[in-house]
Amino acid sequence: MKTNIMEIDGYHAVIQFDPEIDMFRGEFLDLNGGADFYAQDVSGLRKEGAASLHVFLEMCTEDGVEPRRRYSGRFNVRLQPELHASVSVAAAAEGKSLNQWVADALSDHV
């Protein structure tokens, strides 16, 4: 269970509490721009999130912009050399490339 992720209309937002304003803040992930929203409770978050998303999607349509960010499937990870060596040994012990071992570990985690 991801306690700080809320799904609204197929889009995911991370939810955090902002003690300075005593409200919850939601921010949509994986968008080609920013869309956030605030509320004091879960019901309000869903309502405000849907409204914020609607405005964002309308703007994307008007501007001819794809709303979702595209991912290449590639990213670099920087590790301490000792961890890099340990992970390489673990991958080899399982008969996997380092890339496949990391992809499997990430897949198992999410």
PDB file of N, CA and C in Angstrom:
ATOM      1  N   MET A   1       0.840  -1.171   0.000  1.00  0.00           N
ATOM      2  CA  MET A   1       0.000   0.000   0.000  1.00  0.00           C
ATOM      3  C   MET A   1       0.891   1.243   0.000  1.00  0.00           C
ATOM      4  N   LYS A   2       0.646   2.144  -0.902  1.00  0.00           N
ATOM      5  CA  LYS A   2       1.384   3.397  -0.980  1.00  0.00           C
ATOM      6  C   LYS A   2       0.541   4.463  -0.302  1.00  0.00           C
ATOM      7  N   THR A   3       0.889   4.799   0.915  1.00  0.00           N
ATOM      8  CA  THR A   3       0.033   5.673   1.707  1.00  0.00           C
ATOM      9  C   THR A   3       0.083   7.127   1.285  1.00  0.00           C
ATOM     10  N   ASN A   4       1.088   7.540   0.526  1.00  0.00           N
ATOM     11  CA  ASN A   4       1.142   8.943   0.147  1.00  0.00           C
ATOM     12  C   ASN A   4       0.901   9.159  -1.347  1.00  0.00           C
ATOM     13  N   ILE A   5       0.320   8.171  -2.029  1.00  0.00           N
ATOM     14  CA  ILE A   5      -0.010   8.290  -3.450  1.00  0.00           C
ATOM     15  C   ILE A   5      -1.526   8.188  -3.602  1.00  0.00           C
ATOM     16  N   MET A   6      -2.081   9.146  -4.337  1.00  0.00           N
ATOM     17  CA  MET A   6      -3.516   9.137  -4.607  1.00  0.00           C
ATOM     18  C   MET A   6      -3.707   9.072  -6.124  1.00  0.00           C
ATOM     19  N   GLU A   7      -4.602   8.201  -6.568  1.00  0.00           N
ATOM     20  CA  GLU A   7      -4.908   8.113  -7.992  1.00  0.00           C
ATOM     21  C   GLU A   7      -6.200   8.861  -8.269  1.00  0.00           C
ATOM     22  N   ILE A   8      -6.131   9.743  -9.260  1.00  0.00           N
ATOM     23  CA  ILE A   8      -7.301  10.518  -9.674  1.00  0.00           C
ATOM     24  C   ILE A   8      -7.386  10.427 -11.189  1.00  0.00           C
ATOM     25  N   ASP A   9      -8.452   9.816 -11.680  1.00  0.00           N
ATOM     26  CA  ASP A   9      -8.686   9.683 -13.119  1.00  0.00           C
ATOM     27  C   ASP A   9      -7.495   9.086 -13.862  1.00  0.00           C
ATOM     28  N   GLY A  10      -6.849   8.095 -13.251  1.00  0.00           N
ATOM     29  CA  GLY A  10      -5.733   7.408 -13.894  1.00  0.00           C
ATOM     30  C   GLY A  10      -4.393   8.114 -13.757  1.00  0.00           C
ATOM     31  N   TYR A  11      -4.356   9.226 -13.077  1.00  0.00           N
ATOM     32  CA  TYR A  11      -3.112   9.959 -12.835  1.00  0.00           C
ATOM     33  C   TYR A  11      -2.766   9.842 -11.352  1.00  0.00           C
ATOM     34  N   HIS A  12      -1.478   9.825 -11.045  1.00  0.00           N
ATOM     35  CA  HIS A  12      -1.028   9.663  -9.669  1.00  0.00           C
ATOM     36  C   HIS A  12      -0.492  10.972  -9.113  1.00  0.00           C
ATOM     37  N   ALA A  13      -0.817  11.210  -7.853  1.00  0.00           N
ATOM     38  CA  ALA A  13      -0.329  12.399  -7.159  1.00  0.00           C
ATOM     39  C   ALA A  13       0.272  11.972  -5.829  1.00  0.00           C
ATOM     40  N   VAL A  14       1.361  12.602  -5.465  1.00  0.00           N
ATOM     41  CA  VAL A  14       1.957  12.366  -4.157  1.00  0.00           C
ATOM     42  C   VAL A  14       1.317  13.361  -3.190  1.00  0.00           C
ATOM     43  N   ILE A  15       0.965  12.878  -2.013  1.00  0.00           N
ATOM     44  CA  ILE A  15       0.279  13.690  -1.015  1.00  0.00           C
ATOM     45  C   ILE A  15       1.205  13.885   0.180  1.00  0.00           C
ATOM     46  N   GLN A  16       1.320  15.135   0.622  1.00  0.00           N
ATOM     47  CA  GLN A  16       2.128  15.456   1.794  1.00  0.00           C
ATOM     48  C   GLN A  16       1.359  16.449   2.649  1.00  0.00           C
ATOM     49  N   PHE A  17       1.681  16.456   3.935  1.00  0.00           N
ATOM     50  CA  PHE A  17       1.055  17.408   4.841  1.00  0.00           C
ATOM     51  C   PHE A  17       1.951  18.625   4.977  1.00  0.00           C
ATOM     52  N   ASP A  18       1.364  19.811   4.845  1.00  0.00           N
ATOM     53  CA  ASP A  18       2.103  21.061   4.998  1.00  0.00           C
ATOM     54  C   ASP A  18       1.690  21.694   6.321  1.00  0.00           C
ATOM     55  N   PRO A  19       2.531  21.561   7.353  1.00  0.00           N
ATOM     56  CA  PRO A  19       2.149  22.074   8.674  1.00  0.00           C
ATOM     57  C   PRO A  19       2.074  23.600   8.731  1.00  0.00           C
ATOM     58  N   GLU A  20       2.726  24.293   7.811  1.00  0.00           N
ATOM     59  CA  GLU A  20       2.689  25.753   7.826  1.00  0.00           C
ATOM     60  C   GLU A  20       1.296  26.295   7.510  1.00  0.00           C
ATOM     61  N   ILE A  21       0.554  25.582   6.677  1.00  0.00           N
ATOM     62  CA  ILE A  21      -0.803  26.029   6.334  1.00  0.00           C
ATOM     63  C   ILE A  21      -1.866  25.066   6.858  1.00  0.00           C
ATOM     64  N   ASP A  22      -1.414  24.012   7.561  1.00  0.00           N
ATOM     65  CA  ASP A  22      -2.311  23.029   8.165  1.00  0.00           C
ATOM     66  C   ASP A  22      -3.237  22.388   7.134  1.00  0.00           C
ATOM     67  N   MET A  23      -2.653  22.049   5.977  1.00  0.00           N
ATOM     68  CA  MET A  23      -3.415  21.406   4.902  1.00  0.00           C
ATOM     69  C   MET A  23      -2.565  20.324   4.242  1.00  0.00           C
ATOM     70  N   PHE A  24      -3.247  19.454   3.523  1.00  0.00           N
ATOM     71  CA  PHE A  24      -2.566  18.463   2.707  1.00  0.00           C
ATOM     72  C   PHE A  24      -2.328  19.053   1.324  1.00  0.00           C
ATOM     73  N   ARG A  25      -1.195  18.725   0.746  1.00  0.00           N
ATOM     74  CA  ARG A  25      -0.852  19.187  -0.600  1.00  0.00           C
ATOM     75  C   ARG A  25      -0.682  17.975  -1.497  1.00  0.00           C
ATOM     76  N   GLY A  26      -1.306  18.012  -2.647  1.00  0.00           N
ATOM     77  CA  GLY A  26      -1.129  16.969  -3.646  1.00  0.00           C
ATOM     78  C   GLY A  26      -0.405  17.543  -4.849  1.00  0.00           C
ATOM     79  N   GLU A  27       0.467  16.750  -5.423  1.00  0.00           N
ATOM     80  CA  GLU A  27       1.160  17.163  -6.645  1.00  0.00           C
ATOM     81  C   GLU A  27       1.164  15.987  -7.606  1.00  0.00           C
ATOM     82  N   PHE A  28       0.629  16.206  -8.800  1.00  0.00           N
ATOM     83  CA  PHE A  28       0.579  15.140  -9.792  1.00  0.00           C
ATOM     84  C   PHE A  28       1.973  14.817 -10.295  1.00  0.00           C
ATOM     85  N   LEU A  29       2.192  13.553 -10.519  1.00  0.00           N
ATOM     86  CA  LEU A  29       3.469  13.045 -11.008  1.00  0.00           C
ATOM     87  C   LEU A  29       3.370  12.761 -12.500  1.00  0.00           C
ATOM     88  N   ASP A  30       4.493  12.656 -13.143  1.00  0.00           N
ATOM     89  CA  ASP A  30       4.567  12.189 -14.535  1.00  0.00           C
ATOM     90  C   ASP A  30       3.827  13.077 -15.532  1.00  0.00           C
ATOM     91  N   LEU A  31       3.693  14.359 -15.226  1.00  0.00           N
ATOM     92  CA  LEU A  31       3.056  15.283 -16.152  1.00  0.00           C
ATOM     93  C   LEU A  31       4.115  16.145 -16.834  1.00  0.00           C
ATOM     94  N   ASN A  32       3.768  16.673 -17.974  1.00  0.00           N
ATOM     95  CA  ASN A  32       4.647  17.596 -18.694  1.00  0.00           C
ATOM     96  C   ASN A  32       4.458  19.021 -18.187  1.00  0.00           C
ATOM     97  N   GLY A  33       4.279  19.173 -16.926  1.00  0.00           N
ATOM     98  CA  GLY A  33       4.074  20.466 -16.297  1.00  0.00           C
ATOM     99  C   GLY A  33       3.634  20.250 -14.869  1.00  0.00           C
ATOM    100  N   GLY A  34       3.367  21.324 -14.183  1.00  0.00           N
ATOM    101  CA  GLY A  34       2.992  21.221 -12.778  1.00  0.00           C
ATOM    102  C   GLY A  34       1.498  21.328 -12.572  1.00  0.00           C
ATOM    103  N   ALA A  35       0.991  20.515 -11.687  1.00  0.00           N
ATOM    104  CA  ALA A  35      -0.414  20.582 -11.296  1.00  0.00           C
ATOM    105  C   ALA A  35      -0.489  20.133  -9.839  1.00  0.00           C
ATOM    106  N   ASP A  36      -0.796  21.077  -8.952  1.00  0.00           N
ATOM    107  CA  ASP A  36      -0.910  20.724  -7.547  1.00  0.00           C
ATOM    108  C   ASP A  36      -2.252  21.183  -6.999  1.00  0.00           C
ATOM    109  N   PHE A  37      -2.544  20.761  -5.766  1.00  0.00           N
ATOM    110  CA  PHE A  37      -3.829  21.062  -5.158  1.00  0.00           C
ATOM    111  C   PHE A  37      -3.711  20.911  -3.651  1.00  0.00           C
ATOM    112  N   TYR A  38      -4.607  21.586  -2.928  1.00  0.00           N
ATOM    113  CA  TYR A  38      -4.590  21.603  -1.464  1.00  0.00           C
ATOM    114  C   TYR A  38      -5.982  21.313  -0.920  1.00  0.00           C
ATOM    115  N   ALA A  39      -6.023  20.671   0.255  1.00  0.00           N
ATOM    116  CA  ALA A  39      -7.291  20.444   0.949  1.00  0.00           C
ATOM    117  C   ALA A  39      -6.991  20.020   2.384  1.00  0.00           C
ATOM    118  N   GLN A  40      -8.034  20.029   3.205  1.00  0.00           N
ATOM    119  CA  GLN A  40      -7.864  19.660   4.612  1.00  0.00           C
ATOM    120  C   GLN A  40      -8.189  18.199   4.894  1.00  0.00           C
ATOM    121  N   ASP A  41      -8.783  17.495   3.919  1.00  0.00           N
ATOM    122  CA  ASP A  41      -9.113  16.092   4.149  1.00  0.00           C
ATOM    123  C   ASP A  41      -9.084  15.329   2.822  1.00  0.00           C
ATOM    124  N   VAL A  42      -9.250  14.028   2.906  1.00  0.00           N
ATOM    125  CA  VAL A  42      -9.156  13.164   1.724  1.00  0.00           C
ATOM    126  C   VAL A  42     -10.232  13.504   0.704  1.00  0.00           C
ATOM    127  N   SER A  43     -11.438  13.715   1.162  1.00  0.00           N
ATOM    128  CA  SER A  43     -12.529  14.059   0.237  1.00  0.00           C
ATOM    129  C   SER A  43     -12.204  15.344  -0.518  1.00  0.00           C
ATOM    130  N   GLY A  44     -11.717  16.329   0.201  1.00  0.00           N
ATOM    131  CA  GLY A  44     -11.339  17.583  -0.424  1.00  0.00           C
ATOM    132  C   GLY A  44     -10.181  17.417  -1.391  1.00  0.00           C
ATOM    133  N   LEU A  45      -9.221  16.556  -1.026  1.00  0.00           N
ATOM    134  CA  LEU A  45      -8.099  16.293  -1.925  1.00  0.00           C
ATOM    135  C   LEU A  45      -8.585  15.718  -3.245  1.00  0.00           C
ATOM    136  N   ARG A  46      -9.502  14.758  -3.175  1.00  0.00           N
ATOM    137  CA  ARG A  46     -10.023  14.159  -4.407  1.00  0.00           C
ATOM    138  C   ARG A  46     -10.738  15.207  -5.271  1.00  0.00           C
ATOM    139  N   LYS A  47     -11.553  16.036  -4.644  1.00  0.00           N
ATOM    140  CA  LYS A  47     -12.293  17.062  -5.366  1.00  0.00           C
ATOM    141  C   LYS A  47     -11.342  18.088  -5.983  1.00  0.00           C
ATOM    142  N   GLU A  48     -10.434  18.627  -5.179  1.00  0.00           N
ATOM    143  CA  GLU A  48      -9.502  19.646  -5.661  1.00  0.00           C
ATOM    144  C   GLU A  48      -8.521  19.058  -6.679  1.00  0.00           C
ATOM    145  N   GLY A  49      -8.117  17.804  -6.461  1.00  0.00           N
ATOM    146  CA  GLY A  49      -7.217  17.138  -7.403  1.00  0.00           C
ATOM    147  C   GLY A  49      -7.862  16.963  -8.763  1.00  0.00           C
ATOM    148  N   ALA A  50      -9.126  16.550  -8.767  1.00  0.00           N
ATOM    149  CA  ALA A  50      -9.845  16.378 -10.035  1.00  0.00           C
ATOM    150  C   ALA A  50      -9.982  17.717 -10.759  1.00  0.00           C
ATOM    151  N   ALA A  51     -10.243  18.781 -10.011  1.00  0.00           N
ATOM    152  CA  ALA A  51     -10.378  20.103 -10.627  1.00  0.00           C
ATOM    153  C   ALA A  51      -9.040  20.575 -11.198  1.00  0.00           C
ATOM    154  N   SER A  52      -7.969  20.399 -10.433  1.00  0.00           N
ATOM    155  CA  SER A  52      -6.636  20.811 -10.892  1.00  0.00           C
ATOM    156  C   SER A  52      -6.227  20.033 -12.135  1.00  0.00           C
ATOM    157  N   LEU A  53      -6.481  18.732 -12.119  1.00  0.00           N
ATOM    158  CA  LEU A  53      -6.141  17.891 -13.256  1.00  0.00           C
ATOM    159  C   LEU A  53      -6.945  18.307 -14.488  1.00  0.00           C
ATOM    160  N   HIS A  54      -8.219  18.578 -14.307  1.00  0.00           N
ATOM    161  CA  HIS A  54      -9.084  18.993 -15.412  1.00  0.00           C
ATOM    162  C   HIS A  54      -8.536  20.259 -16.081  1.00  0.00           C
ATOM    163  N   VAL A  55      -8.148  21.235 -15.270  1.00  0.00           N
ATOM    164  CA  VAL A  55      -7.597  22.487 -15.810  1.00  0.00           C
ATOM    165  C   VAL A  55      -6.299  22.200 -16.562  1.00  0.00           C
ATOM    166  N   PHE A  56      -5.441  21.367 -15.972  1.00  0.00           N
ATOM    167  CA  PHE A  56      -4.169  21.042 -16.608  1.00  0.00           C
ATOM    168  C   PHE A  56      -4.394  20.356 -17.965  1.00  0.00           C
ATOM    169  N   LEU A  57      -5.295  19.376 -17.992  1.00  0.00           N
ATOM    170  CA  LEU A  57      -5.564  18.650 -19.234  1.00  0.00           C
ATOM    171  C   LEU A  57      -6.178  19.561 -20.295  1.00  0.00           C
ATOM    172  N   GLU A  58      -7.044  20.473 -19.885  1.00  0.00           N
ATOM    173  CA  GLU A  58      -7.613  21.432 -20.838  1.00  0.00           C
ATOM    174  C   GLU A  58      -6.520  22.307 -21.449  1.00  0.00           C
ATOM    175  N   MET A  59      -5.594  22.761 -20.613  1.00  0.00           N
ATOM    176  CA  MET A  59      -4.492  23.590 -21.104  1.00  0.00           C
ATOM    177  C   MET A  59      -3.624  22.808 -22.088  1.00  0.00           C
ATOM    178  N   CYS A  60      -3.379  21.545 -21.797  1.00  0.00           N
ATOM    179  CA  CYS A  60      -2.591  20.710 -22.703  1.00  0.00           C
ATOM    180  C   CYS A  60      -3.285  20.565 -24.050  1.00  0.00           C
ATOM    181  N   THR A  61      -4.596  20.348 -24.019  1.00  0.00           N
ATOM    182  CA  THR A  61      -5.366  20.227 -25.258  1.00  0.00           C
ATOM    183  C   THR A  61      -5.292  21.521 -26.058  1.00  0.00           C
ATOM    184  N   GLU A  62      -5.479  22.643 -25.392  1.00  0.00           N
ATOM    185  CA  GLU A  62      -5.424  23.950 -26.069  1.00  0.00           C
ATOM    186  C   GLU A  62      -4.056  24.209 -26.691  1.00  0.00           C
ATOM    187  N   ASP A  63      -2.996  23.793 -25.992  1.00  0.00           N
ATOM    188  CA  ASP A  63      -1.633  24.054 -26.464  1.00  0.00           C
ATOM    189  C   ASP A  63      -1.081  22.937 -27.352  1.00  0.00           C
ATOM    190  N   GLY A  64      -1.851  21.849 -27.522  1.00  0.00           N
ATOM    191  CA  GLY A  64      -1.390  20.730 -28.329  1.00  0.00           C
ATOM    192  C   GLY A  64      -0.217  19.982 -27.703  1.00  0.00           C
ATOM    193  N   VAL A  65      -0.225  19.898 -26.383  1.00  0.00           N
ATOM    194  CA  VAL A  65       0.866  19.267 -25.635  1.00  0.00           C
ATOM    195  C   VAL A  65       0.392  17.934 -25.066  1.00  0.00           C
ATOM    196  N   GLU A  66       1.227  16.914 -25.171  1.00  0.00           N
ATOM    197  CA  GLU A  66       0.947  15.623 -24.546  1.00  0.00           C
ATOM    198  C   GLU A  66       1.017  15.817 -23.029  1.00  0.00           C
ATOM    199  N   PRO A  67      -0.041  15.470 -22.286  1.00  0.00           N
ATOM    200  CA  PRO A  67      -0.030  15.738 -20.844  1.00  0.00           C
ATOM    201  C   PRO A  67       0.935  14.865 -20.045  1.00  0.00           C
ATOM    202  N   ARG A  68       1.137  13.637 -20.476  1.00  0.00           N
ATOM    203  CA  ARG A  68       2.017  12.733 -19.713  1.00  0.00           C
ATOM    204  C   ARG A  68       3.458  12.849 -20.178  1.00  0.00           C
ATOM    205  N   ARG A  69       4.341  12.870 -19.217  1.00  0.00           N
ATOM    206  CA  ARG A  69       5.771  12.850 -19.504  1.00  0.00           C
ATOM    207  C   ARG A  69       6.133  11.474 -20.072  1.00  0.00           C
ATOM    208  N   ARG A  70       6.980  11.464 -21.063  1.00  0.00           N
ATOM    209  CA  ARG A  70       7.448  10.202 -21.642  1.00  0.00           C
ATOM    210  C   ARG A  70       8.788   9.827 -21.019  1.00  0.00           C
ATOM    211  N   TYR A  71       8.973   8.544 -20.810  1.00  0.00           N
ATOM    212  CA  TYR A  71      10.216   8.040 -20.233  1.00  0.00           C
ATOM    213  C   TYR A  71      10.943   7.199 -21.265  1.00  0.00           C
ATOM    214  N   SER A  72      12.249   7.328 -21.302  1.00  0.00           N
ATOM    215  CA  SER A  72      13.061   6.600 -22.274  1.00  0.00           C
ATOM    216  C   SER A  72      13.316   5.163 -21.845  1.00  0.00           C
ATOM    217  N   GLY A  73      13.173   4.898 -20.551  1.00  0.00           N
ATOM    218  CA  GLY A  73      13.525   3.568 -20.051  1.00  0.00           C
ATOM    219  C   GLY A  73      14.977   3.491 -19.607  1.00  0.00           C
ATOM    220  N   ARG A  74      15.660   4.612 -19.638  1.00  0.00           N
ATOM    221  CA  ARG A  74      17.062   4.651 -19.232  1.00  0.00           C
ATOM    222  C   ARG A  74      17.240   5.678 -18.120  1.00  0.00           C
ATOM    223  N   PHE A  75      18.062   5.321 -17.130  1.00  0.00           N
ATOM    224  CA  PHE A  75      18.470   6.289 -16.125  1.00  0.00           C
ATOM    225  C   PHE A  75      19.797   5.838 -15.530  1.00  0.00           C
ATOM    226  N   ASN A  76      20.558   6.785 -15.038  1.00  0.00           N
ATOM    227  CA  ASN A  76      21.856   6.487 -14.440  1.00  0.00           C
ATOM    228  C   ASN A  76      21.726   6.473 -12.928  1.00  0.00           C
ATOM    229  N   VAL A  77      22.448   5.565 -12.316  1.00  0.00           N
ATOM    230  CA  VAL A  77      22.454   5.475 -10.866  1.00  0.00           C
ATOM    231  C   VAL A  77      23.891   5.616 -10.394  1.00  0.00           C
ATOM    232  N   ARG A  78      24.104   6.483  -9.436  1.00  0.00           N
ATOM    233  CA  ARG A  78      25.439   6.643  -8.862  1.00  0.00           C
ATOM    234  C   ARG A  78      25.472   5.935  -7.519  1.00  0.00           C
ATOM    235  N   LEU A  79      26.470   5.078  -7.350  1.00  0.00           N
ATOM    236  CA  LEU A  79      26.618   4.292  -6.132  1.00  0.00           C
ATOM    237  C   LEU A  79      28.021   4.446  -5.579  1.00  0.00           C
ATOM    238  N   GLN A  80      28.137   4.142  -4.315  1.00  0.00           N
ATOM    239  CA  GLN A  80      29.474   4.017  -3.741  1.00  0.00           C
ATOM    240  C   GLN A  80      30.143   2.824  -4.423  1.00  0.00           C
ATOM    241  N   PRO A  81      31.442   2.893  -4.703  1.00  0.00           N
ATOM    242  CA  PRO A  81      32.126   1.794  -5.392  1.00  0.00           C
ATOM    243  C   PRO A  81      31.946   0.439  -4.702  1.00  0.00           C
ATOM    244  N   GLU A  82      31.913   0.435  -3.374  1.00  0.00           N
ATOM    245  CA  GLU A  82      31.751  -0.831  -2.646  1.00  0.00           C
ATOM    246  C   GLU A  82      30.376  -1.454  -2.907  1.00  0.00           C
ATOM    247  N   LEU A  83      29.334  -0.612  -2.942  1.00  0.00           N
ATOM    248  CA  LEU A  83      27.992  -1.111  -3.223  1.00  0.00           C
ATOM    249  C   LEU A  83      27.906  -1.597  -4.666  1.00  0.00           C
ATOM    250  N   HIS A  84      28.522  -0.869  -5.581  1.00  0.00           N
ATOM    251  CA  HIS A  84      28.543  -1.271  -6.984  1.00  0.00           C
ATOM    252  C   HIS A  84      29.161  -2.663  -7.112  1.00  0.00           C
ATOM    253  N   ALA A  85      30.271  -2.892  -6.433  1.00  0.00           N
ATOM    254  CA  ALA A  85      30.934  -4.203  -6.476  1.00  0.00           C
ATOM    255  C   ALA A  85      30.027  -5.283  -5.893  1.00  0.00           C
ATOM    256  N   SER A  86      29.392  -5.002  -4.769  1.00  0.00           N
ATOM    257  CA  SER A  86      28.507  -5.996  -4.132  1.00  0.00           C
ATOM    258  C   SER A  86      27.312  -6.336  -5.007  1.00  0.00           C
ATOM    259  N   VAL A  87      26.736  -5.334  -5.640  1.00  0.00           N
ATOM    260  CA  VAL A  87      25.585  -5.559  -6.514  1.00  0.00           C
ATOM    261  C   VAL A  87      26.006  -6.356  -7.740  1.00  0.00           C
ATOM    262  N   SER A  88      27.171  -6.081  -8.280  1.00  0.00           N
ATOM    263  CA  SER A  88      27.676  -6.831  -9.436  1.00  0.00           C
ATOM    264  C   SER A  88      27.876  -8.296  -9.090  1.00  0.00           C
ATOM    265  N   VAL A  89      28.378  -8.557  -7.894  1.00  0.00           N
ATOM    266  CA  VAL A  89      28.566  -9.943  -7.448  1.00  0.00           C
ATOM    267  C   VAL A  89      27.204 -10.617  -7.273  1.00  0.00           C
ATOM    268  N   ALA A  90      26.241  -9.921  -6.677  1.00  0.00           N
ATOM    269  CA  ALA A  90      24.907 -10.494  -6.478  1.00  0.00           C
ATOM    270  C   ALA A  90      24.249 -10.814  -7.810  1.00  0.00           C
ATOM    271  N   ALA A  91      24.403  -9.928  -8.785  1.00  0.00           N
ATOM    272  CA  ALA A  91      23.831 -10.166 -10.113  1.00  0.00           C
ATOM    273  C   ALA A  91      24.468 -11.384 -10.762  1.00  0.00           C
ATOM    274  N   ALA A  92      25.780 -11.463 -10.700  1.00  0.00           N
ATOM    275  CA  ALA A  92      26.487 -12.602 -11.297  1.00  0.00           C
ATOM    276  C   ALA A  92      26.092 -13.907 -10.620  1.00  0.00           C
ATOM    277  N   ALA A  93      25.909 -13.865  -9.312  1.00  0.00           N
ATOM    278  CA  ALA A  93      25.522 -15.076  -8.576  1.00  0.00           C
ATOM    279  C   ALA A  93      24.155 -15.581  -9.014  1.00  0.00           C
ATOM    280  N   GLU A  94      23.307 -14.676  -9.495  1.00  0.00           N
ATOM    281  CA  GLU A  94      21.979 -15.066  -9.982  1.00  0.00           C
ATOM    282  C   GLU A  94      21.964 -15.285 -11.487  1.00  0.00           C
ATOM    283  N   GLY A  95      23.123 -15.169 -12.120  1.00  0.00           N
ATOM    284  CA  GLY A  95      23.216 -15.381 -13.561  1.00  0.00           C
ATOM    285  C   GLY A  95      22.553 -14.278 -14.363  1.00  0.00           C
ATOM    286  N   LYS A  96      22.562 -13.065 -13.813  1.00  0.00           N
ATOM    287  CA  LYS A  96      21.906 -11.931 -14.474  1.00  0.00           C
ATOM    288  C   LYS A  96      22.922 -10.840 -14.764  1.00  0.00           C
ATOM    289  N   SER A  97      22.596 -10.032 -15.766  1.00  0.00           N
ATOM    290  CA  SER A  97      23.384  -8.827 -15.985  1.00  0.00           C
ATOM    291  C   SER A  97      23.072  -7.863 -14.843  1.00  0.00           C
ATOM    292  N   LEU A  98      23.961  -6.918 -14.638  1.00  0.00           N
ATOM    293  CA  LEU A  98      23.722  -5.909 -13.612  1.00  0.00           C
ATOM    294  C   LEU A  98      22.429  -5.153 -13.911  1.00  0.00           C
ATOM    295  N   ASN A  99      22.218  -4.817 -15.166  1.00  0.00           N
ATOM    296  CA  ASN A  99      21.007  -4.107 -15.566  1.00  0.00           C
ATOM    297  C   ASN A  99      19.754  -4.918 -15.224  1.00  0.00           C
ATOM    298  N   GLN A 100      19.739  -6.209 -15.560  1.00  0.00           N
ATOM    299  CA  GLN A 100      18.561  -7.028 -15.296  1.00  0.00           C
ATOM    300  C   GLN A 100      18.331  -7.197 -13.798  1.00  0.00           C
ATOM    301  N   TRP A 101      19.410  -7.348 -13.037  1.00  0.00           N
ATOM    302  CA  TRP A 101      19.293  -7.501 -11.592  1.00  0.00           C
ATOM    303  C   TRP A 101      18.656  -6.256 -10.973  1.00  0.00           C
ATOM    304  N   VAL A 102      19.132  -5.081 -11.383  1.00  0.00           N
ATOM    305  CA  VAL A 102      18.584  -3.827 -10.861  1.00  0.00           C
ATOM    306  C   VAL A 102      17.126  -3.670 -11.294  1.00  0.00           C
ATOM    307  N   ALA A 103      16.822  -3.953 -12.555  1.00  0.00           N
ATOM    308  CA  ALA A 103      15.437  -3.861 -13.036  1.00  0.00           C
ATOM    309  C   ALA A 103      14.527  -4.791 -12.246  1.00  0.00           C
ATOM    310  N   ASP A 104      14.976  -6.011 -11.978  1.00  0.00           N
ATOM    311  CA  ASP A 104      14.180  -6.947 -11.183  1.00  0.00           C
ATOM    312  C   ASP A 104      13.982  -6.442  -9.761  1.00  0.00           C
ATOM    313  N   ALA A 105      15.043  -5.907  -9.163  1.00  0.00           N
ATOM    314  CA  ALA A 105      14.941  -5.389  -7.791  1.00  0.00           C
ATOM    315  C   ALA A 105      13.955  -4.226  -7.740  1.00  0.00           C
ATOM    316  N   LEU A 106      14.014  -3.342  -8.701  1.00  0.00           N
ATOM    317  CA  LEU A 106      13.073  -2.220  -8.731  1.00  0.00           C
ATOM    318  C   LEU A 106      11.648  -2.705  -8.953  1.00  0.00           C
ATOM    319  N   SER A 107      11.477  -3.647  -9.848  1.00  0.00           N
ATOM    320  CA  SER A 107      10.152  -4.190 -10.122  1.00  0.00           C
ATOM    321  C   SER A 107       9.562  -4.852  -8.878  1.00  0.00           C
ATOM    322  N   ASP A 108      10.398  -5.558  -8.136  1.00  0.00           N
ATOM    323  CA  ASP A 108       9.931  -6.206  -6.910  1.00  0.00           C
ATOM    324  C   ASP A 108       9.495  -5.163  -5.865  1.00  0.00           C
ATOM    325  N   HIS A 109      10.116  -4.005  -5.901  1.00  0.00           N
ATOM    326  CA  HIS A 109       9.847  -2.987  -4.894  1.00  0.00           C
ATOM    327  C   HIS A 109       8.565  -2.199  -5.179  1.00  0.00           C
ATOM    328  N   VAL A 110       8.251  -1.973  -6.443  1.00  0.00           N
ATOM    329  CA  VAL A 110       7.062  -1.183  -6.751  1.00  0.00           C
ATOM    330  C   VAL A 110       5.902  -2.091  -7.015  1.00  0.00           C
TER     331      VAL A 110
END
